[in-house]
Amino acid sequence: MSAKDAAHAPRPEPAFPSLIALPAWRRIALVSDLHLGAQAPRTTQTFIAWLADAARAADALFILGDLFEAWIGDDLLDPAALAVAPDDAACAQDIAGALRAYTDSGCALFVQHGNRDFLLGERFQQATGAQILPDPVVLTFQAERTLLTHGDQLCTADTAYQQFRATVRNAEWQRQVLAQPLAARVQQARAMRAASNAAQARPENWADADPAEARRWLARAACTWMIHGHTHRPRNHWQGGELRQVLSDWDCDAPHSAPPRAQALWLGAQGQGIEVSSQRCD
């Protein structure tokens, strides 16, 4: 299917593959929407420092999308990229090195694509030791089935974005984009980022997850607990015995008048159940 056809095709029903936690896992950390990159130096360094310290208390770390503000291809990790996109490539390589050190320490790392870093690929996995997960996926930990997703697919009212998503997730569109020189992709990413920031500056464009769609997903996945990001609106939504838990974004580069945001959700094995806590990472 061409990218044009994909944008106007009916939205496919998601599959709900399973991931079963290893028996030895006792603690899991989940984060999302870090938006790391050269444009966010303090946030990036906060995350790298957290990976080297407190995050290692987790047996597994799940990053539920938008690890990067933009990812224009795994060739950012090539040494030659430093001559084409010096700031972006250097930052990407620093983050990849920190992630590799994390997985080399014995921690498992799982990453979902977000709406900013959907071009993360095989080279990224090899460089970091991460496993890219499908979206959504059902995690079974302590006999509890939890639905994990980035969350953008739940914003059904934003039809323009859903068409955009269908286009950029199309394999042919991605192949054509990645075939372009890195310098051209850098310019395209900057233009797309500027357009996105301008749109997000208008409150009427702030889409939220559709509660009915979230409940439908939970029913189809046979879950009562969902964890997602994307909306940057952290909150626990309870309805009818079901929990939709929204993770915070990270931002340590905002003006000093705004408190920094850097949080992780922790799930800990507690007897036959799960202890849930939220911890600051800065």
Protein backbone atom coordinates (compact mmCIF):
# COMPACT_ATOMS: atom_id res chain seq x y z
CA MET A 1 0.00 0.00 0.00
CA SER A 2 1.28 3.45 -0.88
CA ALA A 3 1.68 6.15 1.76
CA LYS A 4 -1.21 8.10 0.19
CA ASP A 5 -3.52 5.09 0.32
CA ALA A 6 -2.46 4.31 3.90
CA ALA A 7 -3.41 7.81 5.06
CA HIS A 8 -7.01 7.35 3.91
CA ALA A 9 -7.50 3.66 4.66
CA PRO A 10 -9.67 2.61 7.61
CA ARG A 11 -7.68 2.37 10.82
CA PRO A 12 -6.62 -1.22 11.38
CA GLU A 13 -7.64 -2.96 14.58
CA PRO A 14 -4.61 -3.25 16.86
CA ALA A 15 -3.23 -6.62 17.82
CA PHE A 16 -2.44 -7.26 21.46
CA PRO A 17 0.73 -9.39 21.60
CA SER A 18 2.02 -10.54 24.96
CA LEU A 19 5.27 -10.06 26.82
CA ILE A 20 5.74 -12.20 29.92
CA ALA A 21 8.10 -10.86 32.57
CA LEU A 22 10.96 -13.12 33.53
CA PRO A 23 10.44 -14.89 36.86
CA ALA A 24 13.51 -13.16 38.29
CA TRP A 25 12.13 -9.69 37.69
CA ARG A 26 11.26 -7.92 40.94
CA ARG A 27 11.15 -4.25 39.86
CA ILE A 28 10.12 -2.57 36.61
CA ALA A 29 10.47 1.13 35.70
CA LEU A 30 8.39 2.86 33.06
CA VAL A 31 8.93 6.28 31.46
CA SER A 32 7.70 8.03 28.34
CA ASP A 33 7.94 11.26 26.38
CA LEU A 34 11.48 12.20 27.31
CA HIS A 35 11.99 14.06 24.01
CA LEU A 36 15.76 13.86 24.31
CA GLY A 37 18.07 15.65 21.94
CA ALA A 38 20.48 18.50 21.49
CA GLN A 39 17.61 20.95 22.00
CA ALA A 40 17.10 19.62 25.55
CA PRO A 41 20.58 19.34 27.11
CA ARG A 42 19.52 19.32 30.77
CA THR A 43 16.79 16.76 30.22
CA THR A 44 19.20 14.58 28.26
CA GLN A 45 21.88 14.73 30.94
CA THR A 46 19.31 14.05 33.66
CA PHE A 47 18.24 10.88 31.86
CA ILE A 48 21.81 9.73 31.26
CA ALA A 49 22.64 10.27 34.94
CA TRP A 50 19.49 8.39 36.00
CA LEU A 51 20.41 5.46 33.74
CA ALA A 52 23.80 5.22 35.42
CA ASP A 53 22.36 5.29 38.93
CA ALA A 54 18.78 4.87 40.19
CA ALA A 55 17.43 3.19 37.06
CA ARG A 56 19.70 0.22 37.66
CA ALA A 57 17.49 -0.81 40.56
CA ALA A 58 15.04 -1.97 37.88
CA ASP A 59 15.29 -5.39 36.34
CA ALA A 60 13.65 -3.95 33.24
CA LEU A 61 13.07 -0.44 31.91
CA PHE A 62 10.18 0.29 29.55
CA ILE A 63 10.26 3.48 27.47
CA LEU A 64 6.76 3.98 26.08
CA GLY A 65 7.55 6.18 23.12
CA ASP A 66 9.19 9.50 22.29
CA LEU A 67 12.54 8.72 23.83
CA PHE A 68 13.85 11.23 21.29
CA GLU A 69 12.43 14.56 20.18
CA ALA A 70 13.19 13.43 16.65
CA TRP A 71 14.86 10.38 15.14
CA ILE A 72 15.70 10.74 11.46
CA GLY A 73 17.34 7.36 10.99
CA ASP A 74 19.69 4.93 12.64
CA ASP A 75 22.56 6.35 10.56
CA LEU A 76 22.72 9.09 13.21
CA LEU A 77 24.81 6.52 15.05
CA ASP A 78 27.42 6.38 12.27
CA PRO A 79 30.68 8.27 12.91
CA ALA A 80 30.20 10.02 9.56
CA ALA A 81 26.97 11.60 10.83
CA LEU A 82 29.02 13.88 13.08
CA ALA A 83 30.14 15.83 10.01
CA VAL A 84 26.58 16.24 8.68
CA ALA A 85 24.54 16.80 11.84
CA PRO A 86 27.14 17.33 14.57
CA ASP A 87 24.84 18.29 17.45
CA ASP A 88 22.10 15.74 16.72
CA ALA A 89 24.52 12.91 15.99
CA ALA A 90 26.73 13.56 19.02
CA CYS A 91 23.70 13.63 21.31
CA ALA A 92 22.21 10.48 19.75
CA GLN A 93 25.49 8.64 20.15
CA ASP A 94 25.88 9.75 23.78
CA ILE A 95 22.38 8.49 24.59
CA ALA A 96 22.95 5.22 22.74
CA GLY A 97 26.17 4.71 24.69
CA ALA A 98 24.37 5.30 27.99
CA LEU A 99 21.65 2.83 27.00
CA ARG A 100 24.29 0.23 26.05
CA ALA A 101 25.99 0.69 29.42
CA TYR A 102 22.59 0.17 31.05
CA THR A 103 21.87 -3.09 29.25
CA ASP A 104 25.47 -4.26 29.72
CA SER A 105 24.91 -3.88 33.46
CA GLY A 106 22.31 -6.67 33.24
CA CYS A 107 19.12 -4.60 32.99
CA ALA A 108 16.57 -5.31 30.26
CA LEU A 109 15.46 -2.43 28.04
CA PHE A 110 12.27 -2.21 26.00
CA VAL A 111 11.29 0.69 23.76
CA GLN A 112 8.08 1.53 21.92
CA HIS A 113 7.95 3.91 19.00
CA GLY A 114 6.40 7.30 19.66
CA ASN A 115 5.10 9.95 17.33
CA ARG A 116 8.56 11.57 17.23
CA ASP A 117 10.91 8.58 16.95
CA PHE A 118 9.04 6.08 14.78
CA LEU A 119 12.16 5.56 12.62
CA LEU A 120 14.09 3.80 15.38
CA GLY A 121 15.23 0.55 13.83
CA GLU A 122 17.45 -2.51 13.94
CA ARG A 123 20.72 -0.60 14.14
CA PHE A 124 19.46 1.25 17.21
CA GLN A 125 18.57 -2.06 18.84
CA GLN A 126 22.01 -3.50 18.10
CA ALA A 127 23.80 -0.40 19.37
CA THR A 128 21.89 -0.18 22.65
CA GLY A 129 20.79 -3.71 23.50
CA ALA A 130 17.18 -2.52 23.50
CA GLN A 131 14.23 -4.48 22.18
CA ILE A 132 11.68 -2.48 20.21
CA LEU A 133 8.19 -3.53 21.27
CA PRO A 134 4.99 -3.49 19.25
CA ASP A 135 2.39 -0.91 20.22
CA PRO A 136 0.27 -1.91 22.04
CA VAL A 137 1.63 -4.86 24.01
CA VAL A 138 0.31 -6.72 27.05
CA LEU A 139 2.87 -7.14 29.84
CA THR A 140 2.25 -9.93 32.33
CA PHE A 141 4.04 -9.25 35.63
CA GLN A 142 3.09 -10.89 38.92
CA ALA A 143 0.13 -12.52 37.11
CA GLU A 144 -1.24 -9.02 36.29
CA ARG A 145 -1.93 -8.21 32.63
CA THR A 146 -1.11 -4.57 31.89
CA LEU A 147 -1.67 -2.93 28.52
CA LEU A 148 1.27 -0.74 27.50
CA THR A 149 1.03 1.79 24.66
CA HIS A 150 2.48 5.12 23.65
CA GLY A 151 -1.07 6.48 23.58
CA ASP A 152 -1.26 8.41 20.31
CA GLN A 153 -3.57 5.84 18.73
CA LEU A 154 -6.13 6.58 21.45
CA CYS A 155 -6.47 10.23 20.39
CA THR A 156 -9.15 9.36 17.86
CA ALA A 157 -10.67 12.85 17.68
CA ASP A 158 -7.47 14.18 16.09
CA THR A 159 -8.24 12.83 12.63
CA ALA A 160 -5.53 14.91 10.95
CA TYR A 161 -2.90 13.37 13.20
CA GLN A 162 -4.26 9.85 12.68
CA GLN A 163 -3.93 10.31 8.92
CA PHE A 164 -0.39 11.63 9.40
CA ARG A 165 0.40 8.63 11.60
CA ALA A 166 -0.86 6.19 8.98
CA THR A 167 1.38 7.87 6.41
CA VAL A 168 4.61 7.91 8.42
CA ARG A 169 4.13 4.35 9.71
CA ASN A 170 3.80 3.10 6.12
CA ALA A 171 6.82 0.96 5.19
CA GLU A 172 7.12 2.43 1.70
CA TRP A 173 7.04 6.00 3.04
CA GLN A 174 9.77 5.15 5.55
CA ARG A 175 11.88 3.46 2.88
CA GLN A 176 11.70 6.56 0.67
CA VAL A 177 12.53 8.91 3.53
CA LEU A 178 15.48 6.86 4.76
CA ALA A 179 16.85 6.70 1.22
CA GLN A 180 17.35 10.48 1.28
CA PRO A 181 20.69 11.95 2.36
CA LEU A 182 21.02 12.58 6.07
CA ALA A 183 21.37 16.34 5.51
CA ALA A 184 17.99 16.45 3.75
CA ARG A 185 16.36 14.53 6.58
CA VAL A 186 17.81 16.96 9.13
CA GLN A 187 16.11 19.86 7.35
CA GLN A 188 12.82 17.97 7.04
CA ALA A 189 12.85 17.09 10.75
CA ARG A 190 13.44 20.72 11.72
CA ALA A 191 10.53 21.86 9.56
CA MET A 192 8.23 19.18 10.96
CA ARG A 193 9.27 20.04 14.53
CA ALA A 194 8.60 23.74 13.98
CA ALA A 195 5.15 22.97 12.54
CA SER A 196 4.36 20.65 15.44
CA ASN A 197 5.48 23.19 18.05
CA ALA A 198 3.37 25.89 16.41
CA ALA A 199 0.33 23.63 16.43
CA GLN A 200 0.85 22.63 20.06
CA ALA A 201 1.02 26.30 21.06
CA ARG A 202 -2.73 26.49 20.41
CA PRO A 203 -4.73 24.83 23.24
CA GLU A 204 -7.52 23.81 20.87
CA ASN A 205 -5.04 21.39 19.27
CA TRP A 206 -4.28 19.51 22.48
CA ALA A 207 -5.86 16.14 21.79
CA ASP A 208 -6.48 13.73 24.63
CA ALA A 209 -7.02 9.99 24.75
CA ASP A 210 -10.59 8.90 24.08
CA PRO A 211 -11.81 7.13 27.25
CA ALA A 212 -14.25 4.97 25.28
CA GLU A 213 -11.51 3.81 22.90
CA ALA A 214 -9.25 3.05 25.86
CA ARG A 215 -11.99 0.95 27.49
CA ARG A 216 -12.53 -0.87 24.21
CA TRP A 217 -8.84 -1.71 24.01
CA LEU A 218 -8.83 -2.95 27.58
CA ALA A 219 -11.78 -5.22 26.90
CA ARG A 220 -10.23 -6.66 23.74
CA ALA A 221 -6.90 -7.23 25.50
CA ALA A 222 -8.56 -8.79 28.56
CA CYS A 223 -6.89 -6.23 30.83
CA THR A 224 -8.10 -3.84 33.51
CA TRP A 225 -4.95 -1.69 33.64
CA MET A 226 -3.45 0.48 30.91
CA ILE A 227 -0.28 2.59 31.09
CA HIS A 228 0.47 5.16 28.38
CA GLY A 229 2.09 8.50 27.68
CA HIS A 230 1.84 10.90 24.73
CA THR A 231 -0.63 13.41 26.14
CA HIS A 232 1.72 14.95 28.75
CA ARG A 233 -1.21 14.94 31.19
CA PRO A 234 -0.18 12.59 34.03
CA ARG A 235 -3.16 11.27 35.91
CA ASN A 236 -4.81 8.08 37.13
CA HIS A 237 -8.17 7.61 35.43
CA TRP A 238 -10.40 5.12 37.27
CA GLN A 239 -13.69 3.93 35.82
CA GLY A 240 -15.64 0.77 36.53
CA GLY A 241 -12.72 -1.00 38.18
CA GLU A 242 -10.37 -0.17 35.30
CA LEU A 243 -7.30 2.06 35.55
CA ARG A 244 -5.82 4.15 32.73
CA GLN A 245 -2.54 5.49 34.09
CA VAL A 246 -0.95 8.37 32.15
CA LEU A 247 2.79 8.91 32.53
CA SER A 248 4.42 12.32 32.80
CA ASP A 249 6.64 13.74 30.10
CA TRP A 250 10.19 14.86 30.96
CA ASP A 251 11.32 18.48 30.74
CA CYS A 252 14.25 19.87 32.69
CA ASP A 253 14.92 22.61 30.13
CA ALA A 254 11.84 24.74 30.71
CA PRO A 255 12.28 28.30 32.10
CA HIS A 256 13.37 28.39 35.72
CA SER A 257 9.88 29.48 36.76
CA ALA A 258 8.57 26.05 35.73
CA PRO A 259 9.46 23.06 37.93
CA PRO A 260 11.43 20.35 36.12
CA ARG A 261 9.54 17.19 35.16
CA ALA A 262 11.36 13.85 35.27
CA GLN A 263 9.42 10.94 36.70
CA ALA A 264 9.34 7.19 36.46
CA LEU A 265 6.57 4.79 37.41
CA TRP A 266 7.86 1.81 39.36
CA LEU A 267 6.18 -1.58 39.66
CA GLY A 268 7.54 -3.82 42.40
CA ALA A 269 6.77 -7.41 43.24
CA GLN A 270 5.09 -7.47 46.65
CA GLY A 271 4.06 -10.95 47.70
CA GLN A 272 1.59 -12.07 45.03
CA GLY A 273 0.77 -8.47 44.05
CA ILE A 274 2.37 -5.31 42.74
CA GLU A 275 3.45 -2.21 44.64
CA VAL A 276 3.13 0.91 42.48
CA SER A 277 5.04 4.13 43.10
CA SER A 278 6.10 7.25 41.22
CA GLN A 279 9.61 8.60 41.74
CA ARG A 280 11.39 11.73 40.60
CA CYS A 281 14.46 11.12 38.49
CA ASP A 282 16.15 14.53 38.66
